[in-house]
Amino acid sequence: MKNVEKYKIGYFPPETPHNKWVEKDHIEKAPIWCSVDLRDGNQALIVPMSLEEKVEFFKYLVKLGFKEIEVGFPAASETEYRFLRKLVDENLIPDDVTIQVLTQSRKHIIKKTFDSLAGVKKAVIHLYNSTSLAQREQVFKKERPEIIKIATDGASMLKEYAEKYPGTDFSFEYSPESFTGTELDFAVEICNAVIDIWEPTPEHRAIINLPATVEMSMPHVYASQVEYMCENLHRRDSVIVSLHPHNDRGTAVADAELGLLAGGDRIEGTLFGNGERTGNVDIVTLAMNLFAHGVDPGLDFSNMPEVVETYEKYTDMKVHPRQPYGGRLVFAAFSGSHQDAISKGMKWHKDKNLKTWSVPYLLIDPKDVGREYEADVIRINSQSGKGGVAYILEQNFGYVIPPQMREEIGYMVKDISDREHKELSPVEVYQAFAREYVNVFDPIDITDAVFRKASDYKSNDGMIARIEVRIAGDEFQFEAVGNGRLDAISNALKMSPYTFDYKFVTYSEHALSAESTSKAAAYVCIEDSDGDTFWGVGTHEDIILASVNALVSALNRQNRKDHFVE
């Protein structure tokens, strides 16, 4: 990394502070959105979209709610020209959607651009030329006045040609391309020269686009540049200030957000940030960031899996698993402490019937973007904890695991994931749980149990249990009294020739679902004389027999430690 010495600051911050934007702590309303997926996004693909794919992608962008869509550079490519004509000739542009096209400041290109737009109801014509010091010195070898003339000649031609198409509502946009590498006084000078030619009004505004064509500075510098421009542009009330950040430094979203605080009105970007080099600003993230602050973004990302699927289909690009909001793992919690906090937070919100969202570790409710808690939030691997496993079993299979039992089950599932070196699906978690704890009938199996009131028993709850039981292959019948059904069963078992060393620690039960025909689940914990505890879970249509099965399961698990002694 010794080559660091050849890099120097190549951007131009304002000479005096322009940081009023710092006083704002959030964006109060959504910007005007302009999708450039069909231009910046398409030209960045290894294999650009076909005409048919561009048409379908255009329709999907409309479905998402975009009212401004840049459709290409029709004078520079026959494919883009044909695409635009197809949209017009087949009446595919809704009345409330404005298309945008790019053009350079050259007469034959501008003429063909207007020809391509014949019959369009509304359109933005986007004029640009590069203004940065590096481009002026190295590429064009022109001085400032010559660069300004390129822009003003183009602006004049746009105004002249627009008058020949009275049936179309044209808006004009100008970009000092490579704005971030342009001296601010020159950026203001060239933009104002264009504004003075177009003479926009509050009723028919022009667009001045300030692109971070190459992201060169920290986001706060870009915001100060935007604020400087907003304060020095002519006819500010008649100008829409648009931002077009790229992502060379990985902070395009921050550039856009701070730029909006600094006075920007409009954003040009792409779904998931697709674009040249490191990409354009990601409109999905920007819009969802607004949503997460309670601001309606004006775009519909409520079915995020569909957005991802459509994007990947037409671009042949992949959305990263950790991409904000859209990645398949962005709501997934593997950490035990995270899982525990999320599951408790979800229960808190449900029990309190809260209308506002504040679940730990989850910025937004996954359901608001079409994701499911059960499949997306709690994921089980060797890093998971007791809360996550319990959440999976409750949400997917109806088992409300007692708090005292959760740690033991959590370790069991983690050990399986660790040994097999993989994530466990909810079904695999349940199978491991059921195999270890539920209705374990070997070597003890109570095959029948009949109960009757013990009329001569001191307690009103006294019960007599008559059981048929198989122990290690031998059949027995026993009868005993207890202060309840489960106690009577336990006392009957202890009449066998086998030694049973245990006492009850805890018991709980619940229905597995709200249906009257559903099974019941019971949980029994016993403790031996060494202080070791053993859990068993029983299920049955009859809650009493479910508790019997739970006790038998616990005893059979105890037997793995101490084989029965006759």
Protein backbone atom coordinates (compact mmCIF):
# COMPACT_ATOMS: atom_id res chain seq x y z
CA MET A 1 0.00 0.00 0.00
CA LYS A 2 2.98 2.35 -0.43
CA ASN A 3 1.26 3.81 -3.50
CA VAL A 4 -0.98 5.79 -1.16
CA GLU A 5 1.32 8.73 -1.78
CA LYS A 6 0.04 9.19 -5.34
CA TYR A 7 -3.52 9.93 -4.20
CA LYS A 8 -4.68 13.40 -3.27
CA ILE A 9 -7.99 15.09 -2.65
CA GLY A 10 -9.61 15.77 -6.02
CA TYR A 11 -12.88 17.34 -4.94
CA PHE A 12 -13.80 20.93 -4.16
CA PRO A 13 -15.68 21.62 -0.91
CA PRO A 14 -17.20 25.07 -0.35
CA GLU A 15 -14.70 27.64 0.86
CA THR A 16 -17.09 28.74 3.62
CA PRO A 17 -19.26 26.46 5.78
CA HIS A 18 -22.47 25.24 4.15
CA ASN A 19 -23.83 22.85 6.72
CA LYS A 20 -27.35 23.91 7.64
CA TRP A 21 -28.37 20.37 6.72
CA VAL A 22 -26.77 19.12 9.97
CA GLU A 23 -29.60 20.69 11.94
CA LYS A 24 -32.07 18.18 10.48
CA ASP A 25 -32.28 14.70 11.98
CA HIS A 26 -34.43 13.01 9.36
CA ILE A 27 -35.92 13.37 5.88
CA GLU A 28 -39.49 14.55 6.19
CA LYS A 29 -40.89 13.50 2.81
CA ALA A 30 -40.01 11.24 -0.10
CA PRO A 31 -38.07 12.74 -3.01
CA ILE A 32 -39.15 12.55 -6.62
CA TRP A 33 -37.88 9.14 -7.74
CA CYS A 34 -36.40 8.55 -11.17
CA SER A 35 -35.38 5.00 -12.04
CA VAL A 36 -32.35 4.75 -14.30
CA ASP A 37 -32.37 0.93 -14.31
CA LEU A 38 -33.01 0.86 -18.06
CA ARG A 39 -30.06 3.15 -18.82
CA ASP A 40 -27.33 3.17 -16.14
CA GLY A 41 -28.41 -0.25 -14.90
CA ASN A 42 -28.71 -1.82 -18.34
CA GLN A 43 -25.42 -0.52 -19.71
CA ALA A 44 -23.63 -1.99 -16.69
CA LEU A 45 -24.78 -5.54 -17.43
CA ILE A 46 -22.43 -8.09 -18.97
CA VAL A 47 -25.27 -9.02 -21.32
CA PRO A 48 -27.66 -6.06 -21.70
CA MET A 49 -31.37 -6.72 -21.60
CA SER A 50 -33.17 -7.63 -24.81
CA LEU A 51 -35.92 -5.39 -26.16
CA GLU A 52 -38.60 -7.68 -24.70
CA GLU A 53 -36.88 -7.79 -21.31
CA LYS A 54 -36.61 -3.99 -21.22
CA VAL A 55 -40.34 -3.70 -21.95
CA GLU A 56 -41.21 -6.12 -19.14
CA PHE A 57 -38.82 -4.43 -16.72
CA PHE A 58 -40.34 -1.05 -17.62
CA LYS A 59 -43.81 -2.41 -16.79
CA TYR A 60 -42.51 -3.69 -13.46
CA LEU A 61 -40.97 -0.32 -12.57
CA VAL A 62 -44.36 1.24 -13.25
CA LYS A 63 -45.97 -1.37 -11.00
CA LEU A 64 -43.57 -0.42 -8.19
CA GLY A 65 -44.78 3.17 -8.42
CA PHE A 66 -42.06 5.02 -10.35
CA LYS A 67 -43.48 8.11 -12.05
CA GLU A 68 -40.25 9.03 -13.81
CA ILE A 69 -38.21 6.40 -15.69
CA GLU A 70 -35.12 7.00 -17.78
CA VAL A 71 -35.51 4.72 -20.79
CA GLY A 72 -32.17 5.26 -22.51
CA PHE A 73 -30.11 7.22 -25.01
CA PRO A 74 -32.26 6.76 -28.14
CA ALA A 75 -29.93 8.63 -30.50
CA ALA A 76 -26.92 6.54 -29.55
CA SER A 77 -28.30 3.03 -29.98
CA GLU A 78 -30.73 1.45 -32.43
CA THR A 79 -31.93 -0.92 -29.71
CA GLU A 80 -32.74 1.96 -27.37
CA TYR A 81 -34.41 3.88 -30.21
CA ARG A 82 -36.61 0.86 -31.02
CA PHE A 83 -37.38 0.34 -27.34
CA LEU A 84 -38.60 3.91 -26.97
CA ARG A 85 -40.71 3.67 -30.13
CA LYS A 86 -42.28 0.44 -28.89
CA LEU A 87 -43.28 2.12 -25.63
CA VAL A 88 -44.86 4.98 -27.57
CA ASP A 89 -46.41 3.11 -30.48
CA GLU A 90 -47.97 0.43 -28.28
CA ASN A 91 -49.20 2.99 -25.74
CA LEU A 92 -47.27 1.34 -22.88
CA ILE A 93 -46.55 4.58 -21.00
CA PRO A 94 -49.27 5.39 -18.43
CA ASP A 95 -50.55 8.95 -18.41
CA ASP A 96 -49.06 9.61 -14.97
CA VAL A 97 -45.57 8.36 -15.92
CA THR A 98 -42.92 10.58 -17.50
CA ILE A 99 -40.12 8.98 -19.47
CA GLN A 100 -36.64 10.46 -19.55
CA VAL A 101 -34.02 10.28 -22.31
CA LEU A 102 -30.36 11.26 -22.45
CA THR A 103 -28.69 13.40 -25.05
CA GLN A 104 -25.36 15.06 -25.65
CA SER A 105 -25.03 18.65 -26.78
CA ARG A 106 -24.75 17.82 -30.49
CA LYS A 107 -27.28 18.92 -33.08
CA HIS A 108 -27.78 15.63 -34.94
CA ILE A 109 -28.10 13.73 -31.66
CA ILE A 110 -30.62 16.22 -30.28
CA LYS A 111 -32.63 16.07 -33.53
CA LYS A 112 -32.80 12.25 -33.46
CA THR A 113 -33.72 12.38 -29.77
CA PHE A 114 -36.74 14.55 -30.52
CA ASP A 115 -37.67 12.36 -33.49
CA SER A 116 -37.67 9.32 -31.20
CA LEU A 117 -40.10 11.07 -28.86
CA ALA A 118 -42.75 11.87 -31.47
CA GLY A 119 -46.16 11.14 -30.00
CA VAL A 120 -45.04 11.06 -26.37
CA LYS A 121 -47.30 12.95 -23.99
CA LYS A 122 -44.62 13.88 -21.42
CA ALA A 123 -40.86 13.56 -21.43
CA VAL A 124 -37.74 14.79 -19.68
CA ILE A 125 -34.81 15.45 -21.99
CA HIS A 126 -31.60 15.09 -20.07
CA LEU A 127 -28.70 17.12 -21.45
CA TYR A 128 -25.22 16.60 -20.04
CA ASN A 129 -21.59 17.42 -20.60
CA SER A 130 -18.58 16.81 -18.40
CA THR A 131 -17.33 19.74 -16.35
CA SER A 132 -14.66 18.39 -13.99
CA LEU A 133 -11.16 19.81 -13.90
CA ALA A 134 -9.70 16.40 -14.83
CA GLN A 135 -11.99 16.03 -17.87
CA ARG A 136 -11.39 19.60 -19.04
CA GLU A 137 -7.63 19.22 -18.81
CA GLN A 138 -7.13 15.63 -19.93
CA VAL A 139 -10.04 14.74 -22.23
CA PHE A 140 -11.45 17.87 -23.85
CA LYS A 141 -8.44 20.17 -23.44
CA LYS A 142 -10.81 23.13 -23.23
CA GLU A 143 -11.09 26.13 -20.98
CA ARG A 144 -14.15 27.02 -18.91
CA PRO A 145 -15.83 29.30 -21.51
CA GLU A 146 -15.63 26.53 -24.12
CA ILE A 147 -17.22 24.01 -21.76
CA ILE A 148 -19.99 26.49 -20.92
CA LYS A 149 -20.67 26.99 -24.64
CA ILE A 150 -21.20 23.25 -25.11
CA ALA A 151 -23.87 23.35 -22.39
CA THR A 152 -25.59 26.55 -23.53
CA ASP A 153 -25.61 25.51 -27.21
CA GLY A 154 -27.32 22.28 -26.19
CA ALA A 155 -29.77 24.11 -23.94
CA SER A 156 -30.71 26.46 -26.77
CA MET A 157 -31.23 23.58 -29.21
CA LEU A 158 -33.48 21.76 -26.74
CA LYS A 159 -35.63 24.84 -26.37
CA GLU A 160 -35.75 25.38 -30.14
CA TYR A 161 -36.70 21.77 -31.01
CA ALA A 162 -39.30 21.51 -28.24
CA GLU A 163 -41.29 24.29 -29.90
CA LYS A 164 -41.70 22.07 -32.98
CA TYR A 165 -43.58 19.47 -30.91
CA PRO A 166 -46.46 21.36 -29.29
CA GLY A 167 -48.28 18.10 -28.51
CA THR A 168 -45.65 16.98 -26.00
CA ASP A 169 -45.04 18.38 -22.55
CA PHE A 170 -41.24 18.58 -22.42
CA SER A 171 -39.18 19.17 -19.30
CA PHE A 172 -35.45 19.83 -19.47
CA GLU A 173 -32.71 18.47 -17.25
CA TYR A 174 -29.07 19.47 -17.19
CA SER A 175 -26.19 17.58 -15.57
CA PRO A 176 -22.72 19.00 -15.08
CA GLU A 177 -21.36 15.48 -15.39
CA SER A 178 -18.54 14.66 -12.94
CA PHE A 179 -19.95 17.39 -10.68
CA THR A 180 -18.01 16.12 -7.67
CA GLY A 181 -14.71 16.88 -9.42
CA THR A 182 -15.84 20.33 -10.58
CA GLU A 183 -14.95 23.59 -8.85
CA LEU A 184 -18.16 24.83 -7.23
CA ASP A 185 -17.98 28.34 -8.66
CA PHE A 186 -17.76 26.83 -12.14
CA ALA A 187 -20.58 24.37 -11.46
CA VAL A 188 -22.81 27.27 -10.40
CA GLU A 189 -21.75 29.34 -13.43
CA ILE A 190 -22.51 26.67 -16.01
CA CYS A 191 -25.79 25.58 -14.40
CA ASN A 192 -27.02 29.17 -14.17
CA ALA A 193 -26.10 29.78 -17.81
CA VAL A 194 -28.36 26.86 -18.77
CA ILE A 195 -31.15 27.98 -16.42
CA ASP A 196 -31.07 31.48 -17.92
CA ILE A 197 -31.68 30.05 -21.38
CA TRP A 198 -34.51 27.73 -20.32
CA GLU A 199 -36.22 30.36 -18.13
CA PRO A 200 -38.13 27.84 -16.00
CA THR A 201 -41.11 28.87 -13.88
CA PRO A 202 -42.59 27.42 -10.67
CA GLU A 203 -45.32 25.91 -12.86
CA HIS A 204 -42.87 24.38 -15.32
CA ARG A 205 -39.62 23.68 -13.57
CA ALA A 206 -36.25 22.67 -14.95
CA ILE A 207 -34.10 19.94 -13.39
CA ILE A 208 -30.50 20.54 -12.38
CA ASN A 209 -28.88 17.19 -11.70
CA LEU A 210 -25.81 17.06 -9.47
CA PRO A 211 -24.21 13.67 -10.09
CA ALA A 212 -21.54 12.07 -7.99
CA THR A 213 -20.39 10.53 -11.26
CA VAL A 214 -17.37 9.37 -9.30
CA GLU A 215 -17.88 9.35 -5.54
CA MET A 216 -14.80 11.27 -4.38
CA SER A 217 -15.51 12.64 -0.90
CA MET A 218 -17.12 11.73 2.37
CA PRO A 219 -20.90 12.16 2.30
CA HIS A 220 -20.94 15.33 4.38
CA VAL A 221 -18.78 17.08 1.78
CA TYR A 222 -21.22 16.13 -0.99
CA ALA A 223 -24.06 17.48 1.17
CA SER A 224 -22.24 20.78 1.61
CA GLN A 225 -21.69 20.95 -2.16
CA VAL A 226 -25.40 20.38 -2.74
CA GLU A 227 -26.34 23.04 -0.18
CA TYR A 228 -23.96 25.50 -1.83
CA MET A 229 -25.55 24.86 -5.22
CA CYS A 230 -29.08 25.21 -3.85
CA GLU A 231 -28.19 28.59 -2.37
CA ASN A 232 -26.60 29.91 -5.56
CA LEU A 233 -28.74 28.62 -8.42
CA HIS A 234 -30.88 31.12 -10.31
CA ARG A 235 -34.67 30.75 -10.02
CA ARG A 236 -34.40 28.23 -7.20
CA ASP A 237 -38.17 28.05 -6.84
CA SER A 238 -38.33 27.00 -10.49
CA VAL A 239 -35.60 24.38 -10.30
CA ILE A 240 -35.77 20.78 -9.15
CA VAL A 241 -32.39 19.81 -7.70
CA SER A 242 -31.74 16.19 -8.57
CA LEU A 243 -29.06 13.91 -7.11
CA HIS A 244 -27.40 11.04 -8.95
CA PRO A 245 -24.85 9.41 -6.60
CA HIS A 246 -22.61 6.55 -7.64
CA ASN A 247 -21.10 4.20 -5.10
CA ASP A 248 -17.31 4.27 -5.65
CA ARG A 249 -16.63 4.76 -1.94
CA GLY A 250 -19.55 2.60 -0.80
CA THR A 251 -21.51 5.55 0.63
CA ALA A 252 -23.97 6.38 -2.16
CA VAL A 253 -26.97 5.95 0.13
CA ALA A 254 -25.42 8.30 2.69
CA ASP A 255 -24.63 10.79 -0.10
CA ALA A 256 -28.25 10.70 -1.22
CA GLU A 257 -29.72 11.03 2.27
CA LEU A 258 -27.46 13.91 3.30
CA GLY A 259 -27.96 15.50 -0.12
CA LEU A 260 -31.72 15.47 0.43
CA LEU A 261 -31.24 17.11 3.82
CA ALA A 262 -29.11 19.72 2.07
CA GLY A 263 -31.89 20.69 -0.36
CA GLY A 264 -32.10 17.98 -2.99
CA ASP A 265 -35.59 17.28 -4.35
CA ARG A 266 -35.12 14.28 -6.60
CA ILE A 267 -33.13 11.02 -6.75
CA GLU A 268 -31.90 9.14 -9.79
CA GLY A 269 -30.94 5.57 -8.92
CA THR A 270 -31.50 1.89 -9.53
CA LEU A 271 -32.96 -1.14 -7.80
CA PHE A 272 -30.32 -2.65 -5.51
CA GLY A 273 -27.73 -0.18 -6.79
CA ASN A 274 -26.94 -1.82 -10.13
CA GLY A 275 -24.79 0.45 -12.31
CA GLU A 276 -21.32 1.02 -13.72
CA ARG A 277 -18.28 0.25 -11.57
CA THR A 278 -19.56 -0.07 -8.00
CA GLY A 279 -23.05 0.97 -9.04
CA ASN A 280 -25.61 3.71 -8.59
CA VAL A 281 -27.42 4.61 -5.41
CA ASP A 282 -29.78 1.85 -4.30
CA ILE A 283 -33.35 3.16 -4.42
CA VAL A 284 -34.66 0.13 -2.52
CA THR A 285 -32.49 0.95 0.49
CA LEU A 286 -33.22 4.67 0.27
CA ALA A 287 -36.97 4.16 0.06
CA MET A 288 -37.04 1.59 2.84
CA ASN A 289 -34.92 3.83 5.07
CA LEU A 290 -37.68 6.43 4.74
CA PHE A 291 -40.28 3.77 5.48
CA ALA A 292 -38.37 2.75 8.62
CA HIS A 293 -38.66 6.37 9.83
CA GLY A 294 -42.41 6.48 9.28
CA VAL A 295 -42.25 8.35 5.95
CA ASP A 296 -44.25 6.99 3.01
CA PRO A 297 -41.66 6.44 0.26
CA GLY A 298 -44.24 6.45 -2.51
CA LEU A 299 -42.85 3.19 -3.90
CA ASP A 300 -44.28 -0.26 -3.24
CA PHE A 301 -41.75 -2.74 -1.90
CA SER A 302 -44.31 -4.69 0.15
CA ASN A 303 -43.47 -7.86 -1.79
CA MET A 304 -39.70 -7.77 -1.53
CA PRO A 305 -39.18 -11.40 -2.57
CA GLU A 306 -40.92 -10.57 -5.87
CA VAL A 307 -38.79 -7.44 -6.32
CA VAL A 308 -35.62 -9.52 -5.83
CA GLU A 309 -36.84 -12.26 -8.14
CA THR A 310 -37.79 -9.82 -10.90
CA TYR A 311 -34.54 -7.88 -10.63
CA GLU A 312 -32.46 -11.06 -10.79
CA LYS A 313 -34.50 -12.38 -13.72
CA TYR A 314 -33.97 -9.36 -15.98
CA THR A 315 -30.44 -8.36 -14.96
CA ASP A 316 -28.93 -11.80 -14.34
CA MET A 317 -27.39 -10.21 -11.25
CA LYS A 318 -27.74 -11.55 -7.71
CA VAL A 319 -28.92 -9.67 -4.66
CA HIS A 320 -26.41 -10.21 -1.86
CA PRO A 321 -27.83 -12.23 1.08
CA ARG A 322 -26.98 -9.33 3.40
CA GLN A 323 -28.26 -6.55 1.09
CA PRO A 324 -30.37 -4.21 3.27
CA TYR A 325 -34.08 -5.07 3.25
CA GLY A 326 -33.88 -7.35 0.19
CA GLY A 327 -31.23 -9.94 1.05
CA ARG A 328 -32.55 -13.32 2.08
CA LEU A 329 -30.61 -13.23 5.37
CA VAL A 330 -31.19 -9.63 6.46
CA PHE A 331 -33.79 -10.59 9.04
CA ALA A 332 -32.09 -13.83 10.05
CA ALA A 333 -30.75 -14.12 13.58
CA PHE A 334 -28.40 -16.99 14.37
CA SER A 335 -26.96 -15.60 17.59
CA GLY A 336 -28.58 -17.05 20.68
CA SER A 337 -28.89 -13.74 22.51
CA HIS A 338 -30.36 -12.06 19.43
CA GLN A 339 -32.87 -14.87 18.97
CA ASP A 340 -33.92 -14.68 22.59
CA ALA A 341 -34.42 -10.91 22.42
CA ILE A 342 -36.36 -11.12 19.14
CA SER A 343 -38.67 -13.89 20.33
CA LYS A 344 -39.39 -12.04 23.58
CA GLY A 345 -39.92 -8.79 21.67
CA MET A 346 -42.35 -10.45 19.27
CA LYS A 347 -44.31 -11.90 22.17
CA TRP A 348 -44.32 -8.53 23.94
CA HIS A 349 -45.76 -6.79 20.88
CA LYS A 350 -48.38 -9.48 20.41
CA ASP A 351 -49.44 -9.52 24.06
CA LYS A 352 -49.58 -5.72 24.28
CA ASN A 353 -51.25 -5.39 20.85
CA LEU A 354 -48.82 -2.56 20.07
CA LYS A 355 -49.31 -0.48 16.93
CA THR A 356 -45.74 0.82 16.73
CA TRP A 357 -42.70 -1.33 15.99
CA SER A 358 -39.74 -1.63 18.37
CA VAL A 359 -38.70 -5.29 18.35
CA PRO A 360 -35.02 -5.70 19.33
CA TYR A 361 -32.63 -6.28 16.42
CA LEU A 362 -35.34 -5.83 13.75
CA LEU A 363 -35.43 -2.36 12.18
CA ILE A 364 -38.75 -3.05 10.46
CA ASP A 365 -41.45 -5.69 10.64
CA PRO A 366 -40.44 -8.37 8.10
CA LYS A 367 -44.11 -8.85 7.18
CA ASP A 368 -44.16 -5.30 5.77
CA VAL A 369 -41.88 -6.44 2.96
CA GLY A 370 -43.51 -9.81 2.43
CA ARG A 371 -41.20 -11.87 4.61
CA GLU A 372 -42.29 -14.44 7.20
CA TYR A 373 -41.07 -14.55 10.80
CA GLU A 374 -40.97 -18.33 10.92
CA ALA A 375 -38.87 -18.75 7.76
CA ASP A 376 -36.77 -15.60 7.83
CA VAL A 377 -36.18 -14.29 11.33
CA ILE A 378 -35.08 -17.13 13.62
CA ARG A 379 -32.55 -19.40 11.91
CA ILE A 380 -30.93 -22.32 13.70
CA ASN A 381 -27.27 -23.28 13.55
CA SER A 382 -24.46 -24.01 15.99
CA GLN A 383 -24.51 -20.36 17.17
CA SER A 384 -28.19 -20.40 18.07
CA GLY A 385 -29.59 -20.31 21.56
CA LYS A 386 -32.45 -21.58 23.66
CA GLY A 387 -34.79 -18.74 22.73
CA GLY A 388 -34.49 -19.34 19.01
CA VAL A 389 -35.11 -23.07 19.23
CA ALA A 390 -38.11 -22.53 21.51
CA TYR A 391 -39.46 -19.91 19.11
CA ILE A 392 -39.19 -22.29 16.15
CA LEU A 393 -40.98 -25.07 18.02
CA GLU A 394 -43.78 -22.77 19.17
CA GLN A 395 -44.33 -20.83 15.96
CA ASN A 396 -44.13 -23.81 13.61
CA PHE A 397 -45.34 -26.75 15.69
CA GLY A 398 -47.27 -25.35 18.66
CA TYR A 399 -44.98 -26.53 21.49
CA VAL A 400 -44.71 -23.93 24.26
CA ILE A 401 -41.46 -25.09 25.81
CA PRO A 402 -41.24 -24.40 29.58
CA PRO A 403 -38.53 -21.83 30.35
CA GLN A 404 -36.61 -24.33 32.52
CA MET A 405 -36.42 -26.78 29.60
CA ARG A 406 -35.26 -24.38 26.90
CA GLU A 407 -31.57 -24.35 27.67
CA GLU A 408 -31.33 -28.14 27.52
CA ILE A 409 -33.12 -28.30 24.15
CA GLY A 410 -31.05 -25.40 22.85
CA TYR A 411 -27.79 -27.18 23.58
CA MET A 412 -29.05 -30.40 22.03
CA VAL A 413 -29.99 -28.69 18.77
CA LYS A 414 -26.76 -26.65 18.67
CA ASP A 415 -24.73 -29.84 19.10
CA ILE A 416 -26.51 -31.45 16.15
CA SER A 417 -25.88 -28.41 13.96
CA ASP A 418 -22.25 -28.32 15.08
CA ARG A 419 -21.66 -32.01 14.36
CA GLU A 420 -23.37 -31.88 10.98
CA HIS A 421 -21.87 -28.48 10.20
CA LYS A 422 -25.05 -27.03 8.75
CA GLU A 423 -28.08 -24.88 9.44
CA LEU A 424 -31.10 -26.85 10.63
CA SER A 425 -34.51 -26.28 9.08
CA PRO A 426 -37.55 -25.94 11.36
CA VAL A 427 -38.56 -29.49 10.41
CA GLU A 428 -35.13 -30.82 11.38
CA VAL A 429 -35.31 -28.95 14.69
CA TYR A 430 -38.70 -30.51 15.40
CA GLN A 431 -37.54 -33.99 14.40
CA ALA A 432 -34.58 -33.78 16.79
CA PHE A 433 -36.84 -32.51 19.60
CA ALA A 434 -39.49 -35.20 19.02
CA ARG A 435 -36.95 -37.99 18.71
CA GLU A 436 -35.34 -37.06 22.01
CA TYR A 437 -38.30 -36.00 24.18
CA VAL A 438 -41.78 -36.74 22.79
CA ASN A 439 -43.66 -40.00 23.53
CA VAL A 440 -40.54 -42.04 24.26
CA PHE A 441 -41.93 -45.54 25.01
CA ASP A 442 -38.88 -47.76 25.43
CA PRO A 443 -38.13 -49.60 27.70
CA ILE A 444 -41.21 -48.42 29.69
CA ASP A 445 -44.61 -48.25 28.01
CA ILE A 446 -47.90 -47.76 29.87
CA THR A 447 -50.35 -49.43 27.48
CA ASP A 448 -53.53 -48.69 29.43
CA ALA A 449 -54.61 -46.56 32.37
CA VAL A 450 -57.98 -46.40 34.13
CA PHE A 451 -58.82 -43.91 36.88
CA ARG A 452 -61.50 -43.73 39.56
CA LYS A 453 -62.16 -41.54 42.56
CA ALA A 454 -60.67 -42.70 45.83
CA SER A 455 -63.74 -42.21 48.03
CA ASP A 456 -61.95 -43.14 51.20
CA TYR A 457 -58.95 -40.96 50.40
CA LYS A 458 -58.48 -37.91 52.60
CA SER A 459 -58.13 -35.45 49.74
CA ASN A 460 -61.05 -34.58 47.51
CA ASP A 461 -58.64 -34.94 44.57
CA GLY A 462 -57.61 -38.46 45.53
CA MET A 463 -57.48 -40.82 42.55
CA ILE A 464 -56.82 -44.51 42.06
CA ALA A 465 -54.93 -45.52 38.91
CA ARG A 466 -55.00 -49.04 37.48
CA ILE A 467 -52.30 -49.43 34.83
CA GLU A 468 -51.06 -52.00 32.39
CA VAL A 469 -47.36 -51.48 31.77
CA ARG A 470 -44.58 -53.11 29.80
CA ILE A 471 -41.09 -52.74 31.30
CA ALA A 472 -38.09 -54.17 29.45
CA GLY A 473 -40.41 -56.60 27.66
CA ASP A 474 -42.25 -57.82 30.79
CA GLU A 475 -46.01 -57.18 31.24
CA PHE A 476 -47.39 -55.94 34.58
CA GLN A 477 -50.62 -54.68 36.13
CA PHE A 478 -50.54 -52.34 39.12
CA GLU A 479 -53.00 -50.26 41.07
CA ALA A 480 -52.20 -47.41 43.44
CA VAL A 481 -53.70 -44.31 44.97
CA GLY A 482 -52.40 -40.76 44.66
CA ASN A 483 -53.40 -37.17 45.29
CA GLY A 484 -54.04 -36.81 41.55
CA ARG A 485 -53.95 -38.87 38.38
CA LEU A 486 -50.26 -38.38 37.63
CA ASP A 487 -49.28 -39.04 41.25
CA ALA A 488 -51.38 -42.22 41.22
CA ILE A 489 -49.66 -43.39 38.00
CA SER A 490 -46.26 -42.70 39.57
CA ASN A 491 -47.13 -44.62 42.74
CA ALA A 492 -48.40 -47.55 40.65
CA LEU A 493 -45.14 -47.70 38.70
CA LYS A 494 -43.15 -47.79 41.94
CA MET A 495 -44.97 -51.00 42.88
CA SER A 496 -43.05 -52.81 40.12
CA PRO A 497 -40.02 -54.97 40.89
CA TYR A 498 -37.82 -52.28 39.34
CA THR A 499 -36.25 -49.46 41.33
CA PHE A 500 -37.41 -45.96 40.35
CA ASP A 501 -35.35 -43.12 41.76
CA TYR A 502 -37.08 -39.80 41.10
CA LYS A 503 -39.30 -37.04 42.38
CA PHE A 504 -41.43 -34.57 40.43
CA VAL A 505 -39.95 -31.11 39.79
CA THR A 506 -42.46 -29.42 37.53
CA TYR A 507 -45.38 -30.07 35.25
CA SER A 508 -47.18 -28.01 32.58
CA GLU A 509 -49.62 -28.60 29.78
CA HIS A 510 -51.39 -26.88 26.88
CA ALA A 511 -53.34 -27.58 23.72
CA LEU A 512 -51.23 -27.78 20.58
CA SER A 513 -53.82 -25.72 18.67
CA ALA A 514 -57.10 -23.93 19.27
CA GLU A 515 -59.13 -26.67 17.58
CA SER A 516 -61.26 -28.83 19.86
CA THR A 517 -59.94 -31.97 18.17
CA SER A 518 -56.32 -30.99 18.57
CA LYS A 519 -53.78 -32.85 20.61
CA ALA A 520 -52.61 -31.74 24.01
CA ALA A 521 -48.99 -31.47 25.05
CA ALA A 522 -47.68 -32.07 28.56
CA TYR A 523 -44.21 -31.49 30.00
CA VAL A 524 -42.83 -33.36 33.03
CA CYS A 525 -39.51 -32.85 34.75
CA ILE A 526 -38.20 -35.37 37.30
CA GLU A 527 -35.07 -35.32 39.45
CA ASP A 528 -33.04 -38.27 40.77
CA SER A 529 -31.15 -38.51 44.05
CA ASP A 530 -27.99 -37.18 42.36
CA GLY A 531 -29.81 -33.96 41.49
CA ASP A 532 -29.90 -34.73 37.75
CA THR A 533 -33.09 -33.68 35.97
CA PHE A 534 -34.86 -35.38 33.08
CA TRP A 535 -37.54 -33.89 30.87
CA GLY A 536 -40.24 -35.76 29.01
CA VAL A 537 -42.95 -34.52 26.66
CA GLY A 538 -46.20 -36.35 26.00
CA THR A 539 -48.89 -35.74 23.38
CA HIS A 540 -52.35 -37.24 23.15
CA GLU A 541 -55.93 -36.21 22.35
CA ASP A 542 -56.62 -36.67 26.08
CA ILE A 543 -54.64 -34.27 28.28
CA ILE A 544 -54.48 -36.85 31.11
CA LEU A 545 -52.90 -39.43 28.84
CA ALA A 546 -50.59 -36.76 27.44
CA SER A 547 -49.29 -36.23 30.99
CA VAL A 548 -48.84 -39.99 31.43
CA ASN A 549 -46.85 -40.11 28.20
CA ALA A 550 -44.72 -37.20 29.41
CA LEU A 551 -43.86 -39.00 32.65
CA VAL A 552 -43.00 -42.20 30.77
CA SER A 553 -40.80 -40.22 28.35
CA ALA A 554 -38.93 -38.63 31.25
CA LEU A 555 -38.40 -42.02 32.91
CA ASN A 556 -37.12 -43.56 29.70
CA ARG A 557 -34.67 -40.68 29.27
CA GLN A 558 -33.55 -41.23 32.88
CA ASN A 559 -32.99 -44.89 32.09
CA ARG A 560 -30.28 -43.90 29.61
CA LYS A 561 -28.28 -42.76 32.64
CA ASP A 562 -29.21 -45.49 35.16
CA HIS A 563 -30.48 -48.74 33.71
CA PHE A 564 -33.37 -50.11 35.68
CA VAL A 565 -32.39 -52.47 38.44
CA GLU A 566 -34.78 -55.26 39.29
